[in-house]
Amino acid sequence: MPPECEEIEDLSVPEKISCIDGRIKDPLRFVTPVTLCGRRAMVNKLWCQELSRKWFHKKETPPHPRTLTEPRCQNHVATWYLLYRWLIFMAWAGIVVCSIFEFGSFNPMPVYDKWPIYLTNWDLVLGLCQALLGGFLVSRRWKLQKITEFDPSMLILGLTDRVYWFLYVVTTNVAICVTISYWCSVYDPKIHHLDPLNIMLHICNSILMIIDFCVTSIPFRLRNFWWCLTIVFFYVIFSIIYYLAGGLDKNGYHYIYKILDWKKPVQSSLVCLGQAVFITILYSILCLLEKLKNRLYLRIGKKVEQMETPISNIEKHADIV
């Protein structure tokens, strides 16, 4: 074999390059498709690894404590916001008292031992607890900022702040979920009355949290969706134990809700699964709305600054003259 046609071995090329009739075959014609596929696979692998790292392995940065105690429109705690927080607490406390003693009901049935079995009342307890913690934290912040040396950026996120953040996020989601689920699948005009108590329990709860959602700057993070699912999980476990123990609702039926009758385990399981999916979707929507709310407040803040700048310039010019 002549020397110009000897096999050329190159470790950088996956196959040997041979020579025919004094011409070298073009290796790119065979290597390029493999190389492109390899690059695509490598890009997909890196993208999946990056996504996995950000979602599962990246350490979550906790929110700054000041976001839990400040309104979205201000960088401090004004007196109006302090009064607002305690008014919210009084509203939740009033609803809880009316719920326990059946105030505002057209057909009161004060069966006190049955009060804790309903998910609506679980939501009321969550709302009352988060409102109480919110009032406490805002009151503490309001007192601290009166100190001359106080710097809000030096606040530390403590256990109370974390519990309040958890309760607030969960209550917002559960309250809206309870309202929608009740009026869509539980309410029956033949059994339930459209009285003031029913409106307080299944409409005012969501109104309070929606107003609070618009006023506060408490963050909602998508990776915390499981917080709300824990409430659903514990309530499902409770309803199963209550059914197996022979528990009755306040009307004497062997279930808490008609759609959650464990005599029909398949139907009840599907209802629980559907509620879990629904509450997850609802939480995702709240995360999106929270981002839109922040952008809206930023735009309003920029417009206010632009309106104040000409006025300040006019005042400075007048002082110079």
C-alpha atoms as a PDB file:
ATOM      1  CA  MET A   1       0.000   0.000   0.000  1.00  0.00           C
ATOM      2  CA  PRO A   2       1.440   3.374  -0.964  1.00  0.00           C
ATOM      3  CA  PRO A   3       2.276   5.676   1.926  1.00  0.00           C
ATOM      4  CA  GLU A   4      -0.222   8.325   0.859  1.00  0.00           C
ATOM      5  CA  CYS A   5      -3.101   5.824   1.358  1.00  0.00           C
ATOM      6  CA  GLU A   6      -2.155   4.493   4.759  1.00  0.00           C
ATOM      7  CA  GLU A   7      -4.790   4.617   7.450  1.00  0.00           C
ATOM      8  CA  ILE A   8      -4.568   7.761   9.506  1.00  0.00           C
ATOM      9  CA  GLU A   9      -5.518   7.331  13.135  1.00  0.00           C
ATOM     10  CA  ASP A  10      -6.640  10.422  15.009  1.00  0.00           C
ATOM     11  CA  LEU A  11      -7.899  10.179  18.526  1.00  0.00           C
ATOM     12  CA  SER A  12      -9.924  13.392  18.103  1.00  0.00           C
ATOM     13  CA  VAL A  13     -12.098  11.726  15.420  1.00  0.00           C
ATOM     14  CA  PRO A  14     -14.327   8.838  16.523  1.00  0.00           C
ATOM     15  CA  GLU A  15     -13.635   6.739  13.406  1.00  0.00           C
ATOM     16  CA  LYS A  16     -10.484   6.103  11.359  1.00  0.00           C
ATOM     17  CA  ILE A  17     -10.051   8.307   8.323  1.00  0.00           C
ATOM     18  CA  SER A  18      -9.118   6.307   5.196  1.00  0.00           C
ATOM     19  CA  CYS A  19      -7.830   7.448   1.863  1.00  0.00           C
ATOM     20  CA  ILE A  20      -9.300   6.236  -1.433  1.00  0.00           C
ATOM     21  CA  ASP A  21      -7.802   7.146  -4.800  1.00  0.00           C
ATOM     22  CA  GLY A  22      -5.487   9.608  -3.143  1.00  0.00           C
ATOM     23  CA  ARG A  23      -8.387  11.546  -1.615  1.00  0.00           C
ATOM     24  CA  ILE A  24      -9.266  11.740   2.087  1.00  0.00           C
ATOM     25  CA  LYS A  25     -12.877  11.173   3.002  1.00  0.00           C
ATOM     26  CA  ASP A  26     -14.595  14.093   4.687  1.00  0.00           C
ATOM     27  CA  PRO A  27     -15.121  12.975   8.279  1.00  0.00           C
ATOM     28  CA  LEU A  28     -17.578  15.799   9.037  1.00  0.00           C
ATOM     29  CA  ARG A  29     -20.160  14.163   6.799  1.00  0.00           C
ATOM     30  CA  PHE A  30     -20.379  11.318   9.292  1.00  0.00           C
ATOM     31  CA  VAL A  31     -19.502  13.105  12.533  1.00  0.00           C
ATOM     32  CA  THR A  32     -21.745  16.195  12.317  1.00  0.00           C
ATOM     33  CA  PRO A  33     -25.147  14.498  13.016  1.00  0.00           C
ATOM     34  CA  VAL A  34     -23.679  12.659  15.981  1.00  0.00           C
ATOM     35  CA  THR A  35     -22.040  15.844  17.256  1.00  0.00           C
ATOM     36  CA  LEU A  36     -25.277  17.852  16.984  1.00  0.00           C
ATOM     37  CA  CYS A  37     -27.265  15.185  18.801  1.00  0.00           C
ATOM     38  CA  GLY A  38     -24.593  15.041  21.463  1.00  0.00           C
ATOM     39  CA  ARG A  39     -24.671  18.796  21.910  1.00  0.00           C
ATOM     40  CA  ARG A  40     -28.463  18.827  22.202  1.00  0.00           C
ATOM     41  CA  ALA A  41     -28.362  16.047  24.765  1.00  0.00           C
ATOM     42  CA  MET A  42     -25.676  17.906  26.693  1.00  0.00           C
ATOM     43  CA  VAL A  43     -27.714  21.163  26.643  1.00  0.00           C
ATOM     44  CA  ASN A  44     -30.855  19.362  27.801  1.00  0.00           C
ATOM     45  CA  LYS A  45     -28.933  17.628  30.546  1.00  0.00           C
ATOM     46  CA  LEU A  46     -27.364  20.869  31.754  1.00  0.00           C
ATOM     47  CA  TRP A  47     -30.742  22.643  31.629  1.00  0.00           C
ATOM     48  CA  CYS A  48     -32.395  19.903  33.683  1.00  0.00           C
ATOM     49  CA  GLN A  49     -29.539  19.924  36.174  1.00  0.00           C
ATOM     50  CA  GLU A  50     -29.730  23.717  36.505  1.00  0.00           C
ATOM     51  CA  LEU A  51     -33.498  23.600  36.994  1.00  0.00           C
ATOM     52  CA  SER A  52     -33.150  20.823  39.545  1.00  0.00           C
ATOM     53  CA  ARG A  53     -30.447  22.744  41.371  1.00  0.00           C
ATOM     54  CA  LYS A  54     -32.507  25.926  41.553  1.00  0.00           C
ATOM     55  CA  TRP A  55     -35.712  24.143  42.600  1.00  0.00           C
ATOM     56  CA  PHE A  56     -34.496  21.435  44.956  1.00  0.00           C
ATOM     57  CA  HIS A  57     -30.928  22.200  46.004  1.00  0.00           C
ATOM     58  CA  LYS A  58     -30.711  25.989  46.060  1.00  0.00           C
ATOM     59  CA  LYS A  59     -31.084  27.275  49.575  1.00  0.00           C
ATOM     60  CA  GLU A  60     -34.149  29.454  49.862  1.00  0.00           C
ATOM     61  CA  THR A  61     -33.516  33.009  51.006  1.00  0.00           C
ATOM     62  CA  PRO A  62     -36.045  33.841  53.736  1.00  0.00           C
ATOM     63  CA  PRO A  63     -37.991  37.089  53.427  1.00  0.00           C
ATOM     64  CA  HIS A  64     -36.814  40.113  55.317  1.00  0.00           C
ATOM     65  CA  PRO A  65     -38.800  40.598  58.552  1.00  0.00           C
ATOM     66  CA  ARG A  66     -39.803  44.124  57.553  1.00  0.00           C
ATOM     67  CA  THR A  67     -41.902  42.744  54.668  1.00  0.00           C
ATOM     68  CA  LEU A  68     -44.088  40.972  57.231  1.00  0.00           C
ATOM     69  CA  THR A  69     -44.865  44.131  59.213  1.00  0.00           C
ATOM     70  CA  GLU A  70     -44.960  46.917  56.621  1.00  0.00           C
ATOM     71  CA  PRO A  71     -47.774  47.822  54.244  1.00  0.00           C
ATOM     72  CA  ARG A  72     -46.913  47.553  50.569  1.00  0.00           C
ATOM     73  CA  CYS A  73     -47.269  51.286  50.026  1.00  0.00           C
ATOM     74  CA  GLN A  74     -44.911  52.445  52.823  1.00  0.00           C
ATOM     75  CA  ASN A  75     -41.485  51.650  54.246  1.00  0.00           C
ATOM     76  CA  HIS A  76     -42.568  52.145  57.851  1.00  0.00           C
ATOM     77  CA  VAL A  77     -45.487  51.326  60.119  1.00  0.00           C
ATOM     78  CA  ALA A  78     -47.889  54.235  60.259  1.00  0.00           C
ATOM     79  CA  THR A  79     -50.607  54.571  62.879  1.00  0.00           C
ATOM     80  CA  TRP A  80     -53.313  53.797  60.342  1.00  0.00           C
ATOM     81  CA  TYR A  81     -51.699  50.441  59.550  1.00  0.00           C
ATOM     82  CA  LEU A  82     -51.445  49.558  63.236  1.00  0.00           C
ATOM     83  CA  LEU A  83     -55.170  50.280  63.658  1.00  0.00           C
ATOM     84  CA  TYR A  84     -55.913  48.364  60.475  1.00  0.00           C
ATOM     85  CA  ARG A  85     -54.151  45.241  61.725  1.00  0.00           C
ATOM     86  CA  TRP A  86     -56.120  45.175  64.972  1.00  0.00           C
ATOM     87  CA  LEU A  87     -59.383  45.883  63.147  1.00  0.00           C
ATOM     88  CA  ILE A  88     -58.691  42.824  60.997  1.00  0.00           C
ATOM     89  CA  PHE A  89     -58.151  40.788  64.165  1.00  0.00           C
ATOM     90  CA  MET A  90     -61.416  42.071  65.668  1.00  0.00           C
ATOM     91  CA  ALA A  91     -63.263  41.129  62.469  1.00  0.00           C
ATOM     92  CA  TRP A  92     -61.912  37.561  62.611  1.00  0.00           C
ATOM     93  CA  ALA A  93     -62.707  37.332  66.329  1.00  0.00           C
ATOM     94  CA  GLY A  94     -66.265  38.524  65.681  1.00  0.00           C
ATOM     95  CA  ILE A  95     -66.811  35.904  62.985  1.00  0.00           C
ATOM     96  CA  VAL A  96     -65.477  33.151  65.261  1.00  0.00           C
ATOM     97  CA  VAL A  97     -67.787  34.187  68.122  1.00  0.00           C
ATOM     98  CA  CYS A  98     -70.805  34.347  65.791  1.00  0.00           C
ATOM     99  CA  SER A  99     -69.891  30.936  64.404  1.00  0.00           C
ATOM    100  CA  ILE A 100     -69.637  29.272  67.822  1.00  0.00           C
ATOM    101  CA  PHE A 101     -72.835  30.741  69.264  1.00  0.00           C
ATOM    102  CA  GLU A 102     -74.779  30.748  65.960  1.00  0.00           C
ATOM    103  CA  PHE A 103     -75.363  34.507  65.993  1.00  0.00           C
ATOM    104  CA  GLY A 104     -76.950  35.650  62.743  1.00  0.00           C
ATOM    105  CA  SER A 105     -78.446  32.246  61.865  1.00  0.00           C
ATOM    106  CA  PHE A 106     -82.103  31.862  60.865  1.00  0.00           C
ATOM    107  CA  ASN A 107     -82.109  28.369  62.362  1.00  0.00           C
ATOM    108  CA  PRO A 108     -79.530  28.321  65.182  1.00  0.00           C
ATOM    109  CA  MET A 109     -78.221  24.900  66.173  1.00  0.00           C
ATOM    110  CA  PRO A 110     -75.592  25.559  68.861  1.00  0.00           C
ATOM    111  CA  VAL A 111     -74.065  22.067  68.933  1.00  0.00           C
ATOM    112  CA  TYR A 112     -70.726  23.105  70.402  1.00  0.00           C
ATOM    113  CA  ASP A 113     -69.041  19.699  70.256  1.00  0.00           C
ATOM    114  CA  LYS A 114     -69.553  19.577  66.464  1.00  0.00           C
ATOM    115  CA  TRP A 115     -68.010  22.973  65.800  1.00  0.00           C
ATOM    116  CA  PRO A 116     -64.384  21.748  65.367  1.00  0.00           C
ATOM    117  CA  ILE A 117     -65.233  19.116  62.722  1.00  0.00           C
ATOM    118  CA  TYR A 118     -65.854  21.522  59.829  1.00  0.00           C
ATOM    119  CA  LEU A 119     -63.122  22.768  57.513  1.00  0.00           C
ATOM    120  CA  THR A 120     -64.743  26.211  57.499  1.00  0.00           C
ATOM    121  CA  ASN A 121     -64.098  26.494  61.225  1.00  0.00           C
ATOM    122  CA  TRP A 122     -60.516  25.298  60.767  1.00  0.00           C
ATOM    123  CA  ASP A 123     -60.133  28.214  58.380  1.00  0.00           C
ATOM    124  CA  LEU A 124     -61.601  30.574  61.002  1.00  0.00           C
ATOM    125  CA  VAL A 125     -59.070  29.400  63.594  1.00  0.00           C
ATOM    126  CA  LEU A 126     -56.219  29.891  61.126  1.00  0.00           C
ATOM    127  CA  GLY A 127     -57.496  33.356  60.266  1.00  0.00           C
ATOM    128  CA  LEU A 128     -57.817  34.352  63.909  1.00  0.00           C
ATOM    129  CA  CYS A 129     -54.302  33.112  64.753  1.00  0.00           C
ATOM    130  CA  GLN A 130     -52.612  34.858  61.830  1.00  0.00           C
ATOM    131  CA  ALA A 131     -54.485  38.100  62.562  1.00  0.00           C
ATOM    132  CA  LEU A 132     -53.412  37.961  66.212  1.00  0.00           C
ATOM    133  CA  LEU A 133     -49.763  37.362  65.306  1.00  0.00           C
ATOM    134  CA  GLY A 134     -49.914  40.086  62.679  1.00  0.00           C
ATOM    135  CA  GLY A 135     -51.252  42.594  65.192  1.00  0.00           C
ATOM    136  CA  PHE A 136     -48.573  41.619  67.689  1.00  0.00           C
ATOM    137  CA  LEU A 137     -45.685  41.922  65.197  1.00  0.00           C
ATOM    138  CA  VAL A 138     -46.880  45.245  63.813  1.00  0.00           C
ATOM    139  CA  SER A 139     -47.344  46.640  67.334  1.00  0.00           C
ATOM    140  CA  ARG A 140     -43.807  45.590  68.254  1.00  0.00           C
ATOM    141  CA  ARG A 141     -42.425  47.148  65.084  1.00  0.00           C
ATOM    142  CA  TRP A 142     -44.417  50.353  65.696  1.00  0.00           C
ATOM    143  CA  LYS A 143     -42.815  50.696  69.133  1.00  0.00           C
ATOM    144  CA  LEU A 144     -39.300  49.883  67.899  1.00  0.00           C
ATOM    145  CA  GLN A 145     -39.315  52.499  65.168  1.00  0.00           C
ATOM    146  CA  LYS A 146     -39.816  55.215  67.782  1.00  0.00           C
ATOM    147  CA  ILE A 147     -36.260  54.564  68.951  1.00  0.00           C
ATOM    148  CA  THR A 148     -33.812  56.971  67.318  1.00  0.00           C
ATOM    149  CA  GLU A 149     -31.137  54.340  66.621  1.00  0.00           C
ATOM    150  CA  PHE A 150     -33.628  51.824  65.194  1.00  0.00           C
ATOM    151  CA  ASP A 151     -32.708  50.420  61.773  1.00  0.00           C
ATOM    152  CA  PRO A 152     -35.397  48.180  60.168  1.00  0.00           C
ATOM    153  CA  SER A 153     -32.789  46.519  57.955  1.00  0.00           C
ATOM    154  CA  MET A 154     -31.236  44.974  61.064  1.00  0.00           C
ATOM    155  CA  LEU A 155     -34.368  43.046  62.034  1.00  0.00           C
ATOM    156  CA  ILE A 156     -33.952  39.274  62.401  1.00  0.00           C
ATOM    157  CA  LEU A 157     -36.480  36.734  61.166  1.00  0.00           C
ATOM    158  CA  GLY A 158     -37.546  34.887  64.306  1.00  0.00           C
ATOM    159  CA  LEU A 159     -39.814  31.940  64.959  1.00  0.00           C
ATOM    160  CA  THR A 160     -42.866  34.163  65.465  1.00  0.00           C
ATOM    161  CA  ASP A 161     -42.268  35.824  62.089  1.00  0.00           C
ATOM    162  CA  ARG A 162     -41.954  32.448  60.355  1.00  0.00           C
ATOM    163  CA  VAL A 163     -45.135  31.131  61.958  1.00  0.00           C
ATOM    164  CA  TYR A 164     -47.007  34.281  60.945  1.00  0.00           C
ATOM    165  CA  TRP A 165     -45.747  33.985  57.373  1.00  0.00           C
ATOM    166  CA  PHE A 166     -46.867  30.348  57.218  1.00  0.00           C
ATOM    167  CA  LEU A 167     -50.296  31.038  58.732  1.00  0.00           C
ATOM    168  CA  TYR A 168     -50.925  34.062  56.531  1.00  0.00           C
ATOM    169  CA  VAL A 169     -50.091  32.243  53.288  1.00  0.00           C
ATOM    170  CA  VAL A 170     -52.099  29.163  54.258  1.00  0.00           C
ATOM    171  CA  THR A 171     -55.120  31.152  55.469  1.00  0.00           C
ATOM    172  CA  THR A 172     -55.271  33.212  52.272  1.00  0.00           C
ATOM    173  CA  ASN A 173     -55.339  30.109  50.111  1.00  0.00           C
ATOM    174  CA  VAL A 174     -57.621  28.010  52.308  1.00  0.00           C
ATOM    175  CA  ALA A 175     -60.143  30.830  52.825  1.00  0.00           C
ATOM    176  CA  ILE A 176     -60.648  31.347  49.087  1.00  0.00           C
ATOM    177  CA  CYS A 177     -60.728  27.583  48.520  1.00  0.00           C
ATOM    178  CA  VAL A 178     -63.370  27.126  51.233  1.00  0.00           C
ATOM    179  CA  THR A 179     -65.537  29.876  49.774  1.00  0.00           C
ATOM    180  CA  ILE A 180     -65.426  28.525  46.225  1.00  0.00           C
ATOM    181  CA  SER A 181     -65.861  24.888  47.278  1.00  0.00           C
ATOM    182  CA  TYR A 182     -68.779  25.651  49.597  1.00  0.00           C
ATOM    183  CA  TRP A 183     -70.850  27.599  47.097  1.00  0.00           C
ATOM    184  CA  CYS A 184     -70.048  25.246  44.207  1.00  0.00           C
ATOM    185  CA  SER A 185     -70.398  21.818  45.827  1.00  0.00           C
ATOM    186  CA  VAL A 186     -71.688  21.980  49.418  1.00  0.00           C
ATOM    187  CA  TYR A 187     -74.397  24.651  49.571  1.00  0.00           C
ATOM    188  CA  ASP A 188     -77.919  23.244  49.272  1.00  0.00           C
ATOM    189  CA  PRO A 189     -80.856  25.683  49.531  1.00  0.00           C
ATOM    190  CA  LYS A 190     -83.024  22.890  50.995  1.00  0.00           C
ATOM    191  CA  ILE A 191     -80.679  22.457  53.958  1.00  0.00           C
ATOM    192  CA  HIS A 192     -78.636  25.645  54.275  1.00  0.00           C
ATOM    193  CA  HIS A 193     -79.968  29.140  54.777  1.00  0.00           C
ATOM    194  CA  LEU A 194     -78.613  32.247  53.089  1.00  0.00           C
ATOM    195  CA  ASP A 195     -78.439  34.125  56.367  1.00  0.00           C
ATOM    196  CA  PRO A 196     -75.918  36.643  57.777  1.00  0.00           C
ATOM    197  CA  LEU A 197     -73.983  33.878  59.528  1.00  0.00           C
ATOM    198  CA  ASN A 198     -73.566  31.892  56.318  1.00  0.00           C
ATOM    199  CA  ILE A 199     -72.325  35.004  54.527  1.00  0.00           C
ATOM    200  CA  MET A 200     -69.834  35.733  57.304  1.00  0.00           C
ATOM    201  CA  LEU A 201     -68.495  32.184  57.295  1.00  0.00           C
ATOM    202  CA  HIS A 202     -68.236  31.643  53.559  1.00  0.00           C
ATOM    203  CA  ILE A 203     -67.850  35.103  52.001  1.00  0.00           C
ATOM    204  CA  CYS A 204     -66.430  37.503  54.570  1.00  0.00           C
ATOM    205  CA  ASN A 205     -63.525  35.154  55.290  1.00  0.00           C
ATOM    206  CA  SER A 206     -62.278  35.503  51.703  1.00  0.00           C
ATOM    207  CA  ILE A 207     -63.014  39.237  51.580  1.00  0.00           C
ATOM    208  CA  LEU A 208     -60.839  39.827  54.638  1.00  0.00           C
ATOM    209  CA  MET A 209     -57.919  37.907  53.154  1.00  0.00           C
ATOM    210  CA  ILE A 210     -58.243  39.524  49.703  1.00  0.00           C
ATOM    211  CA  ILE A 211     -58.174  43.000  51.278  1.00  0.00           C
ATOM    212  CA  ASP A 212     -55.194  41.966  53.375  1.00  0.00           C
ATOM    213  CA  PHE A 213     -53.488  40.523  50.293  1.00  0.00           C
ATOM    214  CA  CYS A 214     -53.771  43.889  48.516  1.00  0.00           C
ATOM    215  CA  VAL A 215     -52.489  45.911  51.491  1.00  0.00           C
ATOM    216  CA  THR A 216     -49.636  43.808  52.867  1.00  0.00           C
ATOM    217  CA  SER A 217     -46.240  43.032  51.340  1.00  0.00           C
ATOM    218  CA  ILE A 218     -46.012  39.429  52.587  1.00  0.00           C
ATOM    219  CA  PRO A 219     -44.381  37.274  49.873  1.00  0.00           C
ATOM    220  CA  PHE A 220     -45.890  34.215  48.193  1.00  0.00           C
ATOM    221  CA  ARG A 221     -43.354  31.743  46.811  1.00  0.00           C
ATOM    222  CA  LEU A 222     -44.267  28.992  44.381  1.00  0.00           C
ATOM    223  CA  ARG A 223     -42.090  26.347  46.032  1.00  0.00           C
ATOM    224  CA  ASN A 224     -44.139  26.739  49.251  1.00  0.00           C
ATOM    225  CA  PHE A 225     -47.297  25.317  47.653  1.00  0.00           C
ATOM    226  CA  TRP A 226     -47.067  22.278  49.950  1.00  0.00           C
ATOM    227  CA  TRP A 227     -47.855  24.467  52.969  1.00  0.00           C
ATOM    228  CA  CYS A 228     -51.520  24.547  51.974  1.00  0.00           C
ATOM    229  CA  LEU A 229     -51.538  20.856  51.083  1.00  0.00           C
ATOM    230  CA  THR A 230     -50.579  20.018  54.673  1.00  0.00           C
ATOM    231  CA  ILE A 231     -53.904  21.446  55.875  1.00  0.00           C
ATOM    232  CA  VAL A 232     -55.787  19.379  53.293  1.00  0.00           C
ATOM    233  CA  PHE A 233     -53.840  16.263  54.291  1.00  0.00           C
ATOM    234  CA  PHE A 234     -54.492  16.674  58.021  1.00  0.00           C
ATOM    235  CA  TYR A 235     -58.182  17.382  57.453  1.00  0.00           C
ATOM    236  CA  VAL A 236     -58.571  14.278  55.268  1.00  0.00           C
ATOM    237  CA  ILE A 237     -56.901  12.142  57.942  1.00  0.00           C
ATOM    238  CA  PHE A 238     -59.157  13.692  60.589  1.00  0.00           C
ATOM    239  CA  SER A 239     -62.308  13.065  58.522  1.00  0.00           C
ATOM    240  CA  ILE A 240     -61.364   9.377  58.062  1.00  0.00           C
ATOM    241  CA  ILE A 241     -60.678   8.888  61.774  1.00  0.00           C
ATOM    242  CA  TYR A 242     -63.909  10.728  62.645  1.00  0.00           C
ATOM    243  CA  TYR A 243     -65.906   8.517  60.275  1.00  0.00           C
ATOM    244  CA  LEU A 244     -64.366   5.287  61.584  1.00  0.00           C
ATOM    245  CA  ALA A 245     -65.118   6.411  65.139  1.00  0.00           C
ATOM    246  CA  GLY A 246     -68.793   6.748  64.217  1.00  0.00           C
ATOM    247  CA  GLY A 247     -68.850  10.559  64.234  1.00  0.00           C
ATOM    248  CA  LEU A 248     -71.924  12.445  63.035  1.00  0.00           C
ATOM    249  CA  ASP A 249     -72.447  15.961  61.749  1.00  0.00           C
ATOM    250  CA  LYS A 250     -74.755  18.381  63.572  1.00  0.00           C
ATOM    251  CA  ASN A 251     -77.739  17.144  61.520  1.00  0.00           C
ATOM    252  CA  GLY A 252     -77.151  13.521  62.556  1.00  0.00           C
ATOM    253  CA  TYR A 253     -75.645  12.230  59.299  1.00  0.00           C
ATOM    254  CA  HIS A 254     -72.696   9.830  59.348  1.00  0.00           C
ATOM    255  CA  TYR A 255     -70.399  12.213  57.490  1.00  0.00           C
ATOM    256  CA  ILE A 256     -69.084  15.726  57.847  1.00  0.00           C
ATOM    257  CA  TYR A 257     -69.840  16.848  54.294  1.00  0.00           C
ATOM    258  CA  LYS A 258     -72.023  14.998  51.842  1.00  0.00           C
ATOM    259  CA  ILE A 259     -69.292  15.068  49.189  1.00  0.00           C
ATOM    260  CA  LEU A 260     -66.868  13.619  51.754  1.00  0.00           C
ATOM    261  CA  ASP A 261     -68.857  10.518  52.688  1.00  0.00           C
ATOM    262  CA  TRP A 262     -66.368   7.700  53.349  1.00  0.00           C
ATOM    263  CA  LYS A 263     -69.073   5.106  52.746  1.00  0.00           C
ATOM    264  CA  LYS A 264     -68.093   5.835  49.147  1.00  0.00           C
ATOM    265  CA  PRO A 265     -64.296   5.701  49.409  1.00  0.00           C
ATOM    266  CA  VAL A 266     -63.614   6.068  45.675  1.00  0.00           C
ATOM    267  CA  GLN A 267     -65.759   9.169  45.366  1.00  0.00           C
ATOM    268  CA  SER A 268     -64.325  10.703  48.536  1.00  0.00           C
ATOM    269  CA  SER A 269     -60.766   9.969  47.420  1.00  0.00           C
ATOM    270  CA  LEU A 270     -61.388  11.658  44.083  1.00  0.00           C
ATOM    271  CA  VAL A 271     -62.862  14.666  45.882  1.00  0.00           C
ATOM    272  CA  CYS A 272     -59.762  14.929  48.077  1.00  0.00           C
ATOM    273  CA  LEU A 273     -57.467  14.615  45.067  1.00  0.00           C
ATOM    274  CA  GLY A 274     -59.458  17.251  43.200  1.00  0.00           C
ATOM    275  CA  GLN A 275     -59.271  19.615  46.169  1.00  0.00           C
ATOM    276  CA  ALA A 276     -55.507  19.134  46.377  1.00  0.00           C
ATOM    277  CA  VAL A 277     -55.118  19.969  42.680  1.00  0.00           C
ATOM    278  CA  PHE A 278     -57.487  22.932  42.988  1.00  0.00           C
ATOM    279  CA  ILE A 279     -55.716  24.404  46.009  1.00  0.00           C
ATOM    280  CA  THR A 280     -52.360  24.034  44.227  1.00  0.00           C
ATOM    281  CA  ILE A 281     -53.659  25.859  41.140  1.00  0.00           C
ATOM    282  CA  LEU A 282     -55.191  28.546  43.344  1.00  0.00           C
ATOM    283  CA  TYR A 283     -51.890  29.032  45.140  1.00  0.00           C
ATOM    284  CA  SER A 284     -50.073  29.402  41.806  1.00  0.00           C
ATOM    285  CA  ILE A 285     -52.567  32.087  40.784  1.00  0.00           C
ATOM    286  CA  LEU A 286     -51.957  33.924  44.061  1.00  0.00           C
ATOM    287  CA  CYS A 287     -48.202  33.848  43.411  1.00  0.00           C
ATOM    288  CA  LEU A 288     -48.790  35.391  39.997  1.00  0.00           C
ATOM    289  CA  LEU A 289     -51.127  38.036  41.409  1.00  0.00           C
ATOM    290  CA  GLU A 290     -48.565  38.867  44.083  1.00  0.00           C
ATOM    291  CA  LYS A 291     -45.971  39.609  41.405  1.00  0.00           C
ATOM    292  CA  LEU A 292     -48.457  41.740  39.459  1.00  0.00           C
ATOM    293  CA  LYS A 293     -49.325  43.610  42.663  1.00  0.00           C
ATOM    294  CA  ASN A 294     -45.663  44.414  43.284  1.00  0.00           C
ATOM    295  CA  ARG A 295     -45.204  45.701  39.738  1.00  0.00           C
ATOM    296  CA  LEU A 296     -48.313  47.858  40.059  1.00  0.00           C
ATOM    297  CA  TYR A 297     -47.089  49.398  43.307  1.00  0.00           C
ATOM    298  CA  LEU A 298     -43.674  50.065  41.737  1.00  0.00           C
ATOM    299  CA  ARG A 299     -45.261  51.877  38.800  1.00  0.00           C
ATOM    300  CA  ILE A 300     -47.433  53.945  41.119  1.00  0.00           C
ATOM    301  CA  GLY A 301     -44.390  54.777  43.247  1.00  0.00           C
ATOM    302  CA  LYS A 302     -42.423  55.932  40.175  1.00  0.00           C
ATOM    303  CA  LYS A 303     -45.300  58.146  39.017  1.00  0.00           C
ATOM    304  CA  VAL A 304     -45.580  59.699  42.474  1.00  0.00           C
ATOM    305  CA  GLU A 305     -41.841  60.425  42.478  1.00  0.00           C
ATOM    306  CA  GLN A 306     -42.078  62.009  39.034  1.00  0.00           C
ATOM    307  CA  MET A 307     -44.947  64.210  40.199  1.00  0.00           C
ATOM    308  CA  GLU A 308     -43.084  65.258  43.352  1.00  0.00           C
ATOM    309  CA  THR A 309     -39.802  66.076  41.551  1.00  0.00           C
ATOM    310  CA  PRO A 310     -41.089  69.150  39.594  1.00  0.00           C
ATOM    311  CA  ILE A 311     -42.741  70.504  42.741  1.00  0.00           C
ATOM    312  CA  SER A 312     -39.506  70.220  44.715  1.00  0.00           C
ATOM    313  CA  ASN A 313     -37.597  71.912  41.878  1.00  0.00           C
ATOM    314  CA  ILE A 314     -40.070  74.799  41.880  1.00  0.00           C
ATOM    315  CA  GLU A 315     -39.696  75.197  45.638  1.00  0.00           C
ATOM    316  CA  LYS A 316     -35.891  75.254  45.349  1.00  0.00           C
ATOM    317  CA  HIS A 317     -36.081  77.878  42.576  1.00  0.00           C
ATOM    318  CA  ALA A 318     -38.393  79.996  44.716  1.00  0.00           C
ATOM    319  CA  ASP A 319     -35.982  79.778  47.633  1.00  0.00           C
ATOM    320  CA  ILE A 320     -33.104  80.900  45.430  1.00  0.00           C
ATOM    321  CA  VAL A 321     -35.084  83.868  44.111  1.00  0.00           C
END
